[in-house]
C-alpha atoms as a PDB file:
ATOM      1  CA  MET A   1     -22.350  -4.466   8.824  1.00  0.00           C
ATOM      2  CA  ILE A   2     -19.803  -1.882   9.480  1.00  0.00           C
ATOM      3  CA  LEU A   3     -19.860   1.833   8.692  1.00  0.00           C
ATOM      4  CA  ILE A   4     -16.382   3.415   8.560  1.00  0.00           C
ATOM      5  CA  SER A   5     -16.471   6.972   9.800  1.00  0.00           C
ATOM      6  CA  PRO A   6     -13.576   9.312  10.114  1.00  0.00           C
ATOM      7  CA  GLU A   7     -15.274  11.556  12.646  1.00  0.00           C
ATOM      8  CA  ARG A   8     -15.435   8.857  15.286  1.00  0.00           C
ATOM      9  CA  GLU A   9     -11.980   7.476  14.397  1.00  0.00           C
ATOM     10  CA  SER A  10     -13.368   3.987  14.439  1.00  0.00           C
ATOM     11  CA  SER A  11     -15.843   1.770  12.733  1.00  0.00           C
ATOM     12  CA  VAL A  12     -19.434   1.808  13.898  1.00  0.00           C
ATOM     13  CA  GLU A  13     -21.410  -1.376  14.065  1.00  0.00           C
ATOM     14  CA  LEU A  14     -24.834  -1.009  12.437  1.00  0.00           C
ATOM     15  CA  ARG A  15     -27.630  -2.804  14.195  1.00  0.00           C
ATOM     16  CA  SER A  16     -30.100  -3.025  11.230  1.00  0.00           C
ATOM     17  CA  ARG A  17     -29.177  -5.010   8.182  1.00  0.00           C
ATOM     18  CA  THR A  18     -31.180  -2.808   5.785  1.00  0.00           C
ATOM     19  CA  THR A  19     -30.107   0.558   7.039  1.00  0.00           C
ATOM     20  CA  PRO A  20     -26.768   0.739   5.131  1.00  0.00           C
ATOM     21  CA  TYR A  21     -28.304  -0.589   1.892  1.00  0.00           C
ATOM     22  CA  ASN A  22     -31.109   2.012   2.176  1.00  0.00           C
ATOM     23  CA  ARG A  23     -28.539   4.723   2.801  1.00  0.00           C
ATOM     24  CA  GLU A  24     -26.553   3.409  -0.151  1.00  0.00           C
ATOM     25  CA  ARG A  25     -29.565   3.586  -2.482  1.00  0.00           C
ATOM     26  CA  ALA A  26     -30.191   7.227  -1.233  1.00  0.00           C
ATOM     27  CA  GLY A  27     -26.588   8.101  -2.098  1.00  0.00           C
ATOM     28  CA  LYS A  28     -25.350   8.751   1.400  1.00  0.00           C
ATOM     29  CA  LEU A  29     -23.139   5.704   1.670  1.00  0.00           C
ATOM     30  CA  LEU A  30     -20.836   3.875  -0.695  1.00  0.00           C
ATOM     31  CA  ARG A  31     -20.290   0.059  -0.353  1.00  0.00           C
ATOM     32  CA  LEU A  32     -16.603  -0.463  -0.459  1.00  0.00           C
ATOM     33  CA  MET A  33     -16.464  -4.257   0.253  1.00  0.00           C
ATOM     34  CA  PRO A  34     -19.048  -6.727   1.377  1.00  0.00           C
ATOM     35  CA  GLY A  35     -20.150  -5.517   4.810  1.00  0.00           C
ATOM     36  CA  PHE A  36     -18.029  -2.284   4.689  1.00  0.00           C
ATOM     37  CA  PHE A  37     -19.646   1.058   3.951  1.00  0.00           C
ATOM     38  CA  VAL A  38     -18.127   4.529   3.893  1.00  0.00           C
ATOM     39  CA  PRO A  39     -19.712   7.962   3.559  1.00  0.00           C
ATOM     40  CA  ALA A  40     -20.377   8.806  -0.067  1.00  0.00           C
ATOM     41  CA  GLU A  41     -18.265  12.005   0.141  1.00  0.00           C
ATOM     42  CA  ALA A  42     -15.185  10.053   1.355  1.00  0.00           C
ATOM     43  CA  GLU A  43     -12.103  10.460  -0.827  1.00  0.00           C
ATOM     44  CA  LEU A  44     -10.964   7.323  -2.538  1.00  0.00           C
ATOM     45  CA  SER A  45      -7.241   8.088  -2.201  1.00  0.00           C
ATOM     46  CA  SER A  46      -4.658   5.225  -1.931  1.00  0.00           C
ATOM     47  CA  GLU A  47      -4.029   6.046   1.743  1.00  0.00           C
ATOM     48  CA  ASN A  48      -7.711   5.800   2.587  1.00  0.00           C
ATOM     49  CA  VAL A  49      -8.146   2.596   0.698  1.00  0.00           C
ATOM     50  CA  MET A  50      -5.122   1.111   2.388  1.00  0.00           C
ATOM     51  CA  GLN A  51      -6.617   1.972   5.761  1.00  0.00           C
ATOM     52  CA  TRP A  52      -9.863   0.321   4.835  1.00  0.00           C
ATOM     53  CA  LEU A  53      -8.009  -2.776   3.478  1.00  0.00           C
ATOM     54  CA  THR A  54      -6.035  -2.911   6.764  1.00  0.00           C
ATOM     55  CA  MET A  55      -9.309  -3.112   8.796  1.00  0.00           C
ATOM     56  CA  ARG A  56     -10.247  -6.165   6.769  1.00  0.00           C
ATOM     57  CA  GLN A  57      -6.789  -7.743   6.301  1.00  0.00           C
ATOM     58  CA  PRO A  58      -4.069  -6.472   8.791  1.00  0.00           C
ATOM     59  CA  LYS A  59      -1.231  -8.195   6.932  1.00  0.00           C
ATOM     60  CA  VAL A  60      -1.529  -6.042   3.753  1.00  0.00           C
ATOM     61  CA  VAL A  61       1.418  -3.644   2.991  1.00  0.00           C
ATOM     62  CA  MET A  62       1.525  -0.889   0.347  1.00  0.00           C
ATOM     63  CA  ASN A  63       4.517  -1.445  -1.952  1.00  0.00           C
ATOM     64  CA  LEU A  64       6.209  -0.683  -5.244  1.00  0.00           C
ATOM     65  CA  ILE A  65       4.889   2.269  -7.337  1.00  0.00           C
ATOM     66  CA  SER A  66       2.118   3.056  -4.719  1.00  0.00           C
ATOM     67  CA  ALA A  67       4.768   3.210  -2.063  1.00  0.00           C
ATOM     68  CA  LEU A  68       6.984   5.415  -4.301  1.00  0.00           C
ATOM     69  CA  GLN A  69       4.055   7.752  -4.682  1.00  0.00           C
ATOM     70  CA  HIS A  70       3.408   7.741  -0.959  1.00  0.00           C
ATOM     71  CA  HIS A  71       7.054   8.774  -0.314  1.00  0.00           C
ATOM     72  CA  LYS A  72       6.982  11.277  -3.172  1.00  0.00           C
ATOM     73  CA  ILE A  73       9.975   9.845  -5.046  1.00  0.00           C
ATOM     74  CA  THR A  74       8.375   9.207  -8.383  1.00  0.00           C
ATOM     75  CA  LEU A  75       6.674  11.005 -11.175  1.00  0.00           C
ATOM     76  CA  GLN A  76       4.755   7.788 -12.148  1.00  0.00           C
ATOM     77  CA  ILE A  77       1.001   7.739 -11.604  1.00  0.00           C
ATOM     78  CA  PRO A  78       0.044   4.252 -10.509  1.00  0.00           C
ATOM     79  CA  ASP A  79      -2.827   2.612 -12.349  1.00  0.00           C
ATOM     80  CA  ALA A  80      -3.530   0.265  -9.479  1.00  0.00           C
ATOM     81  CA  LEU A  81      -2.952   0.206  -5.793  1.00  0.00           C
ATOM     82  CA  SER A  82       0.105  -2.206  -5.221  1.00  0.00           C
ATOM     83  CA  VAL A  83      -0.060  -4.236  -2.085  1.00  0.00           C
ATOM     84  CA  ALA A  84       1.957  -7.127  -0.822  1.00  0.00           C
ATOM     85  CA  VAL A  85       0.698  -9.899   1.300  1.00  0.00           C
ATOM     86  CA  PRO A  86       1.956 -13.295   2.570  1.00  0.00           C
ATOM     87  CA  ARG A  87       1.244 -16.192   0.280  1.00  0.00           C
ATOM     88  CA  SER A  88      -2.161 -17.948   0.633  1.00  0.00           C
ATOM     89  CA  THR A  89      -3.676 -14.759   2.279  1.00  0.00           C
ATOM     90  CA  HIS A  90      -7.063 -13.590   0.930  1.00  0.00           C
ATOM     91  CA  VAL A  91      -7.248  -9.870   0.095  1.00  0.00           C
ATOM     92  CA  PRO A  92     -10.680  -8.394  -0.281  1.00  0.00           C
ATOM     93  CA  THR A  93     -11.237  -6.451  -3.477  1.00  0.00           C
ATOM     94  CA  PRO A  94     -12.648  -2.939  -2.884  1.00  0.00           C
ATOM     95  CA  ALA A  95     -15.415  -1.969  -5.347  1.00  0.00           C
ATOM     96  CA  GLY A  96     -14.321   0.091  -8.173  1.00  0.00           C
ATOM     97  CA  ILE A  97     -10.657   0.379  -7.072  1.00  0.00           C
ATOM     98  CA  PRO A  98      -7.984  -1.475  -9.157  1.00  0.00           C
ATOM     99  CA  LEU A  99      -5.769  -3.467  -6.932  1.00  0.00           C
ATOM    100  CA  GLN A 100      -2.467  -5.243  -7.814  1.00  0.00           C
ATOM    101  CA  VAL A 101      -1.576  -7.933  -5.268  1.00  0.00           C
ATOM    102  CA  TRP A 102       1.983  -9.284  -4.927  1.00  0.00           C
ATOM    103  CA  TYR A 103       2.287 -12.469  -2.943  1.00  0.00           C
ATOM    104  CA  THR A 104       5.458 -13.040  -0.961  1.00  0.00           C
ATOM    105  CA  GLU A 105       7.070 -15.061   1.760  1.00  0.00           C
ATOM    106  CA  PRO A 106       5.862 -13.860   5.280  1.00  0.00           C
ATOM    107  CA  ARG A 107       9.467 -13.382   6.461  1.00  0.00           C
ATOM    108  CA  PHE A 108       9.996 -10.711   3.718  1.00  0.00           C
ATOM    109  CA  LEU A 109       7.129  -8.573   5.248  1.00  0.00           C
ATOM    110  CA  GLN A 110       8.887  -8.334   8.675  1.00  0.00           C
ATOM    111  CA  GLU A 111      11.500  -5.711   7.967  1.00  0.00           C
ATOM    112  CA  GLY A 112      11.356  -2.333   6.208  1.00  0.00           C
ATOM    113  CA  ILE A 113       7.753  -1.584   7.000  1.00  0.00           C
ATOM    114  CA  ILE A 114       6.487   1.770   8.277  1.00  0.00           C
ATOM    115  CA  GLU A 115       3.286   2.055  10.188  1.00  0.00           C
ATOM    116  CA  CYS A 116       1.361   5.218   9.115  1.00  0.00           C
ATOM    117  CA  PHE A 117      -1.791   6.671  10.509  1.00  0.00           C
ATOM    118  CA  GLY A 118      -4.657   8.334   8.646  1.00  0.00           C
ATOM    119  CA  ALA A 119      -8.187   9.615   9.237  1.00  0.00           C
ATOM    120  CA  PHE A 120      -9.554   6.074   9.211  1.00  0.00           C
ATOM    121  CA  GLY A 121      -6.835   4.214  11.093  1.00  0.00           C
ATOM    122  CA  PRO A 122      -3.373   2.720  10.666  1.00  0.00           C
ATOM    123  CA  TYR A 123      -1.912   1.271   7.543  1.00  0.00           C
ATOM    124  CA  ARG A 124       1.524  -0.197   6.562  1.00  0.00           C
ATOM    125  CA  VAL A 125       3.872   0.965   3.861  1.00  0.00           C
ATOM    126  CA  THR A 126       7.393  -0.165   2.788  1.00  0.00           C
ATOM    127  CA  SER A 127      10.212   2.237   3.722  1.00  0.00           C
ATOM    128  CA  VAL A 128      11.991   4.295   1.036  1.00  0.00           C
ATOM    129  CA  GLU A 129      15.025   1.915   1.039  1.00  0.00           C
ATOM    130  CA  ARG A 130      12.919  -1.208   0.951  1.00  0.00           C
ATOM    131  CA  THR A 131      10.637   0.176  -1.794  1.00  0.00           C
ATOM    132  CA  LEU A 132      13.762   0.852  -3.964  1.00  0.00           C
ATOM    133  CA  VAL A 133      14.934  -2.673  -3.558  1.00  0.00           C
ATOM    134  CA  ASP A 134      11.527  -4.085  -4.366  1.00  0.00           C
ATOM    135  CA  CYS A 135      11.433  -1.961  -7.481  1.00  0.00           C
ATOM    136  CA  PHE A 136      14.816  -3.221  -8.492  1.00  0.00           C
ATOM    137  CA  LYS A 137      13.776  -6.783  -7.823  1.00  0.00           C
ATOM    138  CA  TYR A 138      10.688  -6.488 -10.038  1.00  0.00           C
ATOM    139  CA  ARG A 139      12.528  -4.257 -12.721  1.00  0.00           C
ATOM    140  CA  ASN A 140      11.536  -6.714 -15.474  1.00  0.00           C
ATOM    141  CA  LYS A 141       7.829  -6.223 -14.686  1.00  0.00           C
ATOM    142  CA  LEU A 142       7.939  -2.512 -13.729  1.00  0.00           C
ATOM    143  CA  GLY A 143      10.810  -1.229 -15.943  1.00  0.00           C
ATOM    144  CA  LEU A 144      14.260  -0.258 -14.965  1.00  0.00           C
ATOM    145  CA  SER A 145      13.453   3.417 -15.517  1.00  0.00           C
ATOM    146  CA  VAL A 146      11.039   3.372 -12.484  1.00  0.00           C
ATOM    147  CA  PHE A 147      13.897   2.325 -10.282  1.00  0.00           C
ATOM    148  CA  LEU A 148      16.479   4.742 -11.697  1.00  0.00           C
ATOM    149  CA  GLU A 149      14.089   7.670 -11.396  1.00  0.00           C
ATOM    150  CA  ALA A 150      13.204   6.835  -7.760  1.00  0.00           C
ATOM    151  CA  LEU A 151      16.888   6.363  -6.891  1.00  0.00           C
ATOM    152  CA  ARG A 152      17.799   9.770  -8.279  1.00  0.00           C
ATOM    153  CA  MET A 153      14.911  11.478  -6.436  1.00  0.00           C
ATOM    154  CA  ALA A 154      15.508   9.677  -3.133  1.00  0.00           C
ATOM    155  CA  ALA A 155      19.398  10.036  -3.216  1.00  0.00           C
ATOM    156  CA  PRO A 156      19.641  12.975  -0.764  1.00  0.00           C
ATOM    157  CA  ARG A 157      17.662  11.163   1.990  1.00  0.00           C
ATOM    158  CA  LEU A 158      18.770   7.606   1.524  1.00  0.00           C
ATOM    159  CA  LYS A 159      20.307   5.557   4.291  1.00  0.00           C
ATOM    160  CA  MET A 160      22.761   3.468   2.324  1.00  0.00           C
ATOM    161  CA  TRP A 161      23.387   0.875   5.124  1.00  0.00           C
ATOM    162  CA  GLU A 162      19.575   0.149   5.303  1.00  0.00           C
ATOM    163  CA  LEU A 163      19.349  -0.093   1.503  1.00  0.00           C
ATOM    164  CA  GLN A 164      22.258  -2.590   1.431  1.00  0.00           C
ATOM    165  CA  HIS A 165      20.622  -4.563   4.301  1.00  0.00           C
ATOM    166  CA  HIS A 166      17.360  -4.858   2.353  1.00  0.00           C
ATOM    167  CA  ALA A 167      19.244  -5.770  -0.837  1.00  0.00           C
ATOM    168  CA  LEU A 168      21.057  -8.515   1.073  1.00  0.00           C
ATOM    169  CA  THR A 169      17.831  -9.779   2.625  1.00  0.00           C
ATOM    170  CA  LEU A 170      15.984  -9.885  -0.722  1.00  0.00           C
ATOM    171  CA  ARG A 171      19.042 -11.395  -2.498  1.00  0.00           C
ATOM    172  CA  GLN A 172      19.617  -8.435  -4.793  1.00  0.00           C
ATOM    173  CA  TYR A 173      22.878  -7.034  -3.468  1.00  0.00           C
ATOM    174  CA  LYS A 174      25.300  -8.182  -6.245  1.00  0.00           C
ATOM    175  CA  GLN A 175      22.879  -6.903  -8.948  1.00  0.00           C
ATOM    176  CA  ILE A 176      22.063  -3.588  -7.402  1.00  0.00           C
ATOM    177  CA  LEU A 177      25.599  -2.684  -6.344  1.00  0.00           C
ATOM    178  CA  PRO A 178      26.670  -1.067  -9.667  1.00  0.00           C
ATOM    179  CA  TYR A 179      23.660   1.241  -9.565  1.00  0.00           C
ATOM    180  CA  LEU A 180      24.525   2.251  -6.023  1.00  0.00           C
ATOM    181  CA  LYS A 181      28.125   2.845  -6.854  1.00  0.00           C
ATOM    182  CA  SER A 182      27.036   5.279  -9.670  1.00  0.00           C
ATOM    183  CA  LEU A 183      25.429   7.499  -6.967  1.00  0.00           C
END
């Protein structure tokens, strides 16, 4: 059993098996995943959930609309936390939190990843440029308007060489080029 606590900046092993369940029944703890408990007053923000998921599965990366919201380059409100993981990797499902899992090749999760730190520990997010290329790649599922809105909002701070690099890596360069020229 693990109690995740921001005050100690690390997880605390609980010795008794029944203690967390008794505290959960009393309303002091919230069971997030099997064996993982957080204080009941803990905020269930996407950053906190990502930190908790990273404790259980270190290969998980926040991507697409969740990453756009993290970088503040969208007006969209995500209805689920978008995460990318290598194929054949198990992702634990947090209780009561919708999760959208995108499986990809492990080599695509090597570049364009930013390590962030929060109250509960580290978590990984795709960079602005990588997120834009991912949104373009999945434009048929997300909608082209999501990509265009994010491209306009991120234009002043974009590193075009990095965006082109990720577009080449993800095989989207020829398709995304007309949109980049319009900037």
